[in-house]
Amino acid sequence: YIRPGKRQKEISSAEQEILSKLYTYNGDNNKLPKEAVEEAYTALYQIDSSWTKKKVGDCWYDNVKRVRQKKEKDRKSSAS
């Protein structure tokens, strides 16, 4: 995984462990709650101060939501 932002750095194993908890989250309407973002942001910021709440949300969106949307789109196109 690559960290979102202007300077895309590789995500460390410690960061990946924190983000993996977000990636497995299933919320209502595939939305990530603010509490989950806040918790992940706090942990990630302690590792690397370049993390922001927006970057945490973007990382989840890029790695989870887009993948789900693509799978749904592929499933719909193959069903028709």
Protein backbone atom coordinates (compact mmCIF):
# COMPACT_ATOMS: atom_id res chain seq x y z
CA TYR A 1 0.00 0.00 0.00
CA ILE A 2 1.07 3.53 -0.71
CA ARG A 3 0.23 6.45 1.54
CA PRO A 4 -1.98 9.08 -0.11
CA GLY A 5 -0.65 12.57 -0.53
CA LYS A 6 1.88 14.56 -2.52
CA ARG A 7 4.87 12.60 -1.29
CA GLN A 8 3.73 9.02 -1.55
CA LYS A 9 5.85 7.01 0.84
CA GLU A 10 5.62 3.31 1.50
CA ILE A 11 3.49 2.49 4.52
CA SER A 12 5.49 0.90 7.33
CA SER A 13 4.45 -2.40 8.89
CA ALA A 14 3.30 -0.61 12.07
CA GLU A 15 1.15 1.75 10.00
CA GLN A 16 -0.16 -1.16 7.93
CA GLU A 17 -1.24 -2.98 11.09
CA ILE A 18 -3.30 0.04 12.20
CA LEU A 19 -4.81 0.54 8.75
CA SER A 20 -5.71 -3.15 8.42
CA LYS A 21 -8.20 -2.66 11.26
CA LEU A 22 -9.87 0.07 9.19
CA TYR A 23 -9.84 -2.02 6.03
CA THR A 24 -11.88 -4.76 7.72
CA TYR A 25 -14.47 -2.33 9.11
CA ASN A 26 -17.99 -2.78 7.73
CA GLY A 27 -20.26 0.09 8.58
CA ASP A 28 -23.67 1.25 7.47
CA ASN A 29 -23.69 2.22 3.79
CA ASN A 30 -19.98 1.43 3.59
CA LYS A 31 -19.14 4.61 5.49
CA LEU A 32 -16.31 4.87 7.96
CA PRO A 33 -17.39 6.46 11.28
CA LYS A 34 -15.55 9.49 12.59
CA GLU A 35 -14.56 7.61 15.76
CA ALA A 36 -12.72 4.96 13.72
CA VAL A 37 -10.89 7.64 11.72
CA GLU A 38 -9.98 9.52 14.91
CA GLU A 39 -8.63 6.39 16.59
CA ALA A 40 -6.54 5.39 13.56
CA TYR A 41 -5.32 8.96 13.03
CA THR A 42 -4.14 9.24 16.64
CA ALA A 43 -2.16 6.00 16.40
CA LEU A 44 -0.72 6.82 12.96
CA TYR A 45 0.24 10.37 13.96
CA GLN A 46 2.34 8.98 16.81
CA ILE A 47 4.30 6.93 14.25
CA ASP A 48 4.60 9.64 11.58
CA SER A 49 3.42 13.22 12.01
CA SER A 50 2.64 13.58 8.29
CA TRP A 51 -0.67 11.69 8.74
CA THR A 52 -3.88 13.74 8.76
CA LYS A 53 -7.48 12.68 9.29
CA LYS A 54 -8.13 13.30 5.60
CA LYS A 55 -5.22 11.04 4.61
CA VAL A 56 -6.57 8.26 6.84
CA GLY A 57 -9.99 8.57 5.20
CA ASP A 58 -8.45 8.74 1.72
CA CYS A 59 -6.37 5.66 2.39
CA TRP A 60 -9.47 3.72 3.49
CA TYR A 61 -11.43 4.99 0.50
CA ASP A 62 -8.71 4.08 -2.01
CA ASN A 63 -8.09 0.61 -0.58
CA VAL A 64 -11.61 -0.43 0.46
CA LYS A 65 -14.44 1.62 -0.98
CA ARG A 66 -13.12 1.78 -4.55
CA VAL A 67 -12.43 -1.96 -4.52
CA ARG A 68 -15.98 -2.67 -3.32
CA GLN A 69 -17.45 -0.36 -5.94
CA LYS A 70 -15.43 -2.04 -8.69
CA LYS A 71 -16.53 -5.52 -7.55
CA GLU A 72 -20.19 -4.44 -7.50
CA LYS A 73 -19.88 -2.88 -10.95
CA ASP A 74 -18.20 -6.02 -12.33
CA ARG A 75 -20.88 -8.23 -10.75
CA LYS A 76 -23.69 -6.12 -12.24
CA SER A 77 -22.13 -6.11 -15.71
CA SER A 78 -21.59 -9.89 -15.67
CA ALA A 79 -25.19 -10.50 -14.49
CA SER A 80 -26.71 -8.62 -17.43
